[in-house]
Amino acid sequence: MSADFYFASSAKIWSSIEWVYGIKDAGYTGWEISAEGNYRLDNPGSYSRIKEVLETTGLKASVHAPFSDLNLASMNYPIYNESVRQLSECVRLASDITERVTIHPGYLSPAAKLVPDKVWSLHKDALRQIGSVAEEYGVLACLENMPDIGDFLCKDPEEIFGMVDRVEGFGVTIDVGHANTAGMLDGFLKKTGLASHMHLHGNFGEKDEHLPVGKGNIDWKKVFSTIKSNYSGICVVEGRNIGEAKESCREIRGLY
């Protein structure tokens, strides 16, 4: 099987877009756009610049939907509805440049913890609404597993695959670094053949550090052996800058 390697940097969301020109030289075929800050797709000026850079560089694209201040598990209905609206709109707009959009699951508020069954149902319904838009516009929305932080949903492979089960228009983004912080990396690697998208970055299992590939305590040989055997699709390296992009690319070339 063959994977395609892209680079993303959520650390650059307030930076000028010129940094993106270094992605191809760093060894990647695509850019995963973190659609926050200066890169929101619902800002016509920002989206026009994104399209111009993609055309100029020849980079392929995927999109990471915004997640700041959004919550698909919110029991505050105006926030819940606005979260669904913004993510649906991101999927619609992204369809001009990609077929893959990664979306974060929601997280539990104190009120939500009192009614876990209701939260599951609300969250699943949010995915159905977003998935319907994804299907209409020819995009696959991919729910991402979360790191071991706070009250996020979908840290466990069974939970996240259960959340998207029978939801049209949805797949799963397996984030290797996130899985490592939750002690779930082996469980997620067993599901690699079911993944629709992947994120790669390192850590030491304690914090979501987003270190270059090869750093931290992740068994990268095992990760890439599993990818080679079971996955054919986009692998997005998430880093902070082009220097880290190059460092990760060198490591990948030695392992993949």
Protein backbone atom coordinates (compact mmCIF):
# COMPACT_ATOMS: atom_id res chain seq x y z
CA MET A 1 0.00 0.00 0.00
CA SER A 2 1.10 3.56 -0.59
CA ALA A 3 0.58 6.66 1.55
CA ASP A 4 0.76 10.29 0.48
CA PHE A 5 2.47 12.68 2.93
CA TYR A 6 1.17 16.18 3.64
CA PHE A 7 2.28 18.80 6.17
CA ALA A 8 0.17 20.95 8.51
CA SER A 9 0.95 23.57 11.13
CA SER A 10 -1.74 24.86 13.47
CA ALA A 11 1.00 27.05 14.99
CA LYS A 12 0.94 29.15 11.81
CA ILE A 13 -2.74 30.13 11.80
CA TRP A 14 -1.96 33.81 12.42
CA SER A 15 1.11 33.90 10.15
CA SER A 16 1.34 35.24 6.62
CA ILE A 17 0.77 32.52 4.03
CA GLU A 18 4.29 32.73 2.56
CA TRP A 19 5.48 29.90 4.83
CA VAL A 20 3.39 27.44 2.80
CA TYR A 21 5.76 27.79 -0.15
CA GLY A 22 8.32 25.78 1.83
CA ILE A 23 6.11 22.68 2.17
CA LYS A 24 6.93 21.17 -1.23
CA ASP A 25 10.66 21.83 -0.85
CA ALA A 26 10.48 20.07 2.53
CA GLY A 27 9.42 16.89 0.72
CA TYR A 28 5.61 16.86 0.92
CA THR A 29 2.98 16.57 -1.79
CA GLY A 30 0.22 18.38 0.07
CA TRP A 31 -0.84 20.87 2.72
CA GLU A 32 -3.49 20.26 5.35
CA ILE A 33 -5.06 23.65 5.91
CA SER A 34 -5.83 24.44 9.55
CA ALA A 35 -8.98 26.47 8.87
CA GLU A 36 -8.60 28.85 11.81
CA GLY A 37 -7.27 32.39 12.20
CA ASN A 38 -6.01 33.74 8.86
CA TYR A 39 -7.00 30.50 7.11
CA ARG A 40 -10.73 30.29 7.70
CA LEU A 41 -12.48 29.20 4.53
CA ASP A 42 -15.51 31.38 5.27
CA ASN A 43 -13.31 34.47 4.90
CA PRO A 44 -13.38 35.13 1.13
CA GLY A 45 -10.05 36.97 1.12
CA SER A 46 -8.29 34.22 3.05
CA TYR A 47 -9.79 31.49 0.90
CA SER A 48 -8.76 33.28 -2.29
CA ARG A 49 -5.15 33.43 -1.07
CA ILE A 50 -5.25 29.73 -0.11
CA LYS A 51 -6.45 28.77 -3.59
CA GLU A 52 -3.80 30.96 -5.21
CA VAL A 53 -1.02 29.28 -3.20
CA LEU A 54 -2.33 25.80 -4.04
CA GLU A 55 -2.39 26.67 -7.74
CA THR A 56 1.07 28.25 -7.63
CA THR A 57 2.75 25.43 -5.71
CA GLY A 58 0.89 22.46 -7.15
CA LEU A 59 0.30 21.21 -3.60
CA LYS A 60 -2.67 18.97 -2.99
CA ALA A 61 -4.91 19.86 -0.07
CA SER A 62 -6.84 18.48 2.87
CA VAL A 63 -8.58 20.57 5.51
CA HIS A 64 -8.73 20.53 9.29
CA ALA A 65 -12.00 22.19 10.28
CA PRO A 66 -12.01 24.90 12.97
CA PHE A 67 -12.54 23.81 16.56
CA SER A 68 -11.83 26.86 18.71
CA ASP A 69 -14.89 27.63 20.88
CA LEU A 70 -16.99 24.98 19.09
CA ASN A 71 -18.49 21.91 20.77
CA LEU A 72 -20.60 19.23 19.11
CA ALA A 73 -21.43 17.85 22.56
CA SER A 74 -22.63 21.16 24.01
CA MET A 75 -25.84 21.15 26.04
CA ASN A 76 -26.08 24.89 25.34
CA TYR A 77 -28.23 24.67 22.22
CA PRO A 78 -27.17 27.94 20.54
CA ILE A 79 -23.53 26.84 20.80
CA TYR A 80 -24.39 23.31 19.65
CA ASN A 81 -26.32 24.60 16.63
CA GLU A 82 -23.64 27.12 15.73
CA SER A 83 -20.97 24.41 15.97
CA VAL A 84 -22.91 22.21 13.55
CA ARG A 85 -23.46 25.18 11.21
CA GLN A 86 -19.81 26.25 11.11
CA LEU A 87 -18.49 22.74 10.56
CA SER A 88 -21.07 22.05 7.86
CA GLU A 89 -20.11 25.28 6.13
CA CYS A 90 -16.41 24.39 6.33
CA VAL A 91 -17.15 21.04 4.68
CA ARG A 92 -19.15 22.72 1.93
CA LEU A 93 -16.46 25.29 1.19
CA ALA A 94 -13.64 22.73 1.40
CA SER A 95 -15.24 20.68 -1.37
CA ASP A 96 -13.67 23.06 -3.92
CA ILE A 97 -10.16 21.94 -2.97
CA THR A 98 -10.31 18.55 -1.22
CA GLU A 99 -12.21 15.36 -0.48
CA ARG A 100 -11.04 15.07 3.15
CA VAL A 101 -11.98 17.29 6.10
CA THR A 102 -10.92 16.39 9.65
CA ILE A 103 -13.29 17.36 12.46
CA HIS A 104 -12.79 17.31 16.22
CA PRO A 105 -15.39 15.61 18.40
CA GLY A 106 -17.04 17.48 21.23
CA TYR A 107 -16.25 17.52 24.93
CA LEU A 108 -18.29 17.15 28.10
CA SER A 109 -19.37 20.14 30.16
CA PRO A 110 -20.44 19.66 33.80
CA ALA A 111 -24.06 19.68 32.63
CA ALA A 112 -23.35 17.13 29.89
CA LYS A 113 -21.74 14.69 32.32
CA LEU A 114 -25.12 14.28 34.01
CA VAL A 115 -26.77 12.93 30.84
CA PRO A 116 -24.19 10.83 28.93
CA ASP A 117 -26.79 8.98 26.85
CA LYS A 118 -28.31 12.27 25.69
CA VAL A 119 -24.86 13.61 24.82
CA TRP A 120 -24.10 10.53 22.71
CA SER A 121 -27.38 10.97 20.84
CA LEU A 122 -26.86 14.72 20.31
CA HIS A 123 -23.29 14.19 19.13
CA LYS A 124 -24.32 11.44 16.74
CA ASP A 125 -27.07 13.68 15.35
CA ALA A 126 -24.55 16.49 14.83
CA LEU A 127 -22.40 14.11 12.79
CA ARG A 128 -25.42 13.06 10.73
CA GLN A 129 -26.14 16.69 9.87
CA ILE A 130 -22.52 17.41 8.92
CA GLY A 131 -22.23 14.07 7.13
CA SER A 132 -25.27 14.90 5.03
CA VAL A 133 -23.53 18.04 3.79
CA ALA A 134 -20.34 16.07 3.18
CA GLU A 135 -22.19 13.55 1.04
CA GLU A 136 -23.95 16.30 -0.91
CA TYR A 137 -20.64 17.97 -1.77
CA GLY A 138 -18.54 14.85 -2.37
CA VAL A 139 -16.40 15.16 0.77
CA LEU A 140 -15.61 12.62 3.48
CA ALA A 141 -15.65 14.20 6.94
CA CYS A 142 -13.25 12.42 9.29
CA LEU A 143 -13.73 12.43 13.06
CA GLU A 144 -10.38 12.62 14.87
CA ASN A 145 -9.41 10.75 18.04
CA MET A 146 -8.49 13.08 20.88
CA PRO A 147 -5.50 13.24 23.24
CA ASP A 148 -5.77 12.54 26.95
CA ILE A 149 -6.92 16.06 27.77
CA GLY A 150 -9.89 17.00 29.92
CA ASP A 151 -13.31 15.75 28.98
CA PHE A 152 -12.96 15.15 25.25
CA LEU A 153 -14.93 12.38 23.65
CA CYS A 154 -13.36 9.80 21.32
CA LYS A 155 -10.03 8.98 22.95
CA ASP A 156 -10.73 5.25 22.64
CA PRO A 157 -10.81 3.37 19.31
CA GLU A 158 -14.05 1.57 20.10
CA GLU A 159 -15.75 4.83 21.06
CA ILE A 160 -14.75 6.79 17.96
CA PHE A 161 -15.56 4.00 15.51
CA GLY A 162 -18.85 3.50 17.34
CA MET A 163 -19.58 7.22 17.06
CA VAL A 164 -19.28 7.20 13.25
CA ASP A 165 -20.93 3.81 12.82
CA ARG A 166 -23.81 4.08 10.33
CA VAL A 167 -23.26 7.82 9.92
CA GLU A 168 -23.15 8.53 6.19
CA GLY A 169 -20.44 10.90 5.00
CA PHE A 170 -18.09 10.16 7.93
CA GLY A 171 -14.85 8.28 8.40
CA VAL A 172 -12.11 8.44 11.05
CA THR A 173 -8.83 10.32 11.26
CA ILE A 174 -6.39 8.30 13.36
CA ASP A 175 -3.99 10.64 15.13
CA VAL A 176 -0.94 8.66 16.24
CA GLY A 177 0.32 11.29 18.68
CA HIS A 178 -3.08 11.70 20.32
CA ALA A 179 -3.44 7.93 20.67
CA ASN A 180 -0.06 7.73 22.39
CA THR A 181 -1.03 10.24 25.10
CA ALA A 182 -4.15 8.20 25.86
CA GLY A 183 -2.25 4.90 26.04
CA MET A 184 -4.31 3.69 23.08
CA LEU A 185 -1.72 3.56 20.28
CA ASP A 186 -1.73 -0.21 19.85
CA GLY A 187 -5.52 -0.25 19.76
CA PHE A 188 -5.63 2.43 17.09
CA LEU A 189 -2.88 0.79 15.02
CA LYS A 190 -5.05 -2.34 14.88
CA LYS A 191 -7.74 -0.15 13.27
CA THR A 192 -5.42 1.44 10.70
CA GLY A 193 -7.02 -0.49 7.85
CA LEU A 194 -10.32 1.22 8.70
CA ALA A 195 -8.86 4.74 8.81
CA SER A 196 -9.84 7.32 6.21
CA HIS A 197 -7.08 9.79 7.12
CA MET A 198 -4.04 9.89 9.45
CA HIS A 199 -2.09 12.43 11.50
CA LEU A 200 1.52 11.89 12.57
CA HIS A 201 3.51 13.67 15.31
CA GLY A 202 5.50 12.66 18.34
CA ASN A 203 5.35 12.93 22.13
CA PHE A 204 6.49 11.11 25.26
CA GLY A 205 3.03 9.86 26.17
CA GLU A 206 2.31 12.53 28.77
CA LYS A 207 1.38 15.65 26.77
CA ASP A 208 0.22 16.48 23.25
CA GLU A 209 3.60 17.97 22.35
CA HIS A 210 3.45 17.72 18.54
CA LEU A 211 7.13 16.81 18.23
CA PRO A 212 8.64 15.84 14.85
CA VAL A 213 8.21 12.29 13.62
CA GLY A 214 10.92 10.15 15.22
CA LYS A 215 10.91 12.08 18.50
CA GLY A 216 9.31 10.94 21.75
CA ASN A 217 8.64 7.39 22.91
CA ILE A 218 6.46 6.21 20.01
CA ASP A 219 7.65 3.04 18.26
CA TRP A 220 7.86 4.67 14.84
CA LYS A 221 9.12 1.50 13.15
CA LYS A 222 5.93 -0.25 14.23
CA VAL A 223 3.80 2.70 13.15
CA PHE A 224 5.23 2.80 9.64
CA SER A 225 5.25 -0.97 9.28
CA THR A 226 1.53 -0.91 10.08
CA ILE A 227 0.88 1.95 7.66
CA LYS A 228 2.76 0.12 4.89
CA SER A 229 0.73 -3.02 5.43
CA ASN A 230 -2.73 -1.64 6.11
CA TYR A 231 -3.20 1.95 4.94
CA SER A 232 -3.35 3.71 1.60
CA GLY A 233 -4.22 7.37 1.85
CA ILE A 234 -3.07 10.71 3.23
CA CYS A 235 -0.72 10.90 6.22
CA VAL A 236 -0.48 14.44 7.56
CA VAL A 237 2.63 15.35 9.53
CA GLU A 238 1.63 18.00 12.06
CA GLY A 239 4.47 20.29 13.11
CA ARG A 240 5.24 23.84 14.09
CA ASN A 241 7.39 25.06 11.21
CA ILE A 242 9.18 24.12 7.99
CA GLY A 243 12.31 23.12 9.88
CA GLU A 244 10.31 20.48 11.74
CA ALA A 245 8.66 19.49 8.45
CA LYS A 246 12.09 18.72 6.99
CA GLU A 247 13.18 16.85 10.11
CA SER A 248 10.06 14.67 10.00
CA CYS A 249 10.46 14.03 6.28
CA ARG A 250 14.03 12.79 6.74
CA GLU A 251 12.83 10.38 9.41
CA ILE A 252 9.94 9.14 7.27
CA ARG A 253 12.28 8.42 4.35
CA GLY A 254 14.32 6.15 6.61
CA LEU A 255 11.26 4.28 7.86
CA TYR A 256 8.80 4.14 4.98
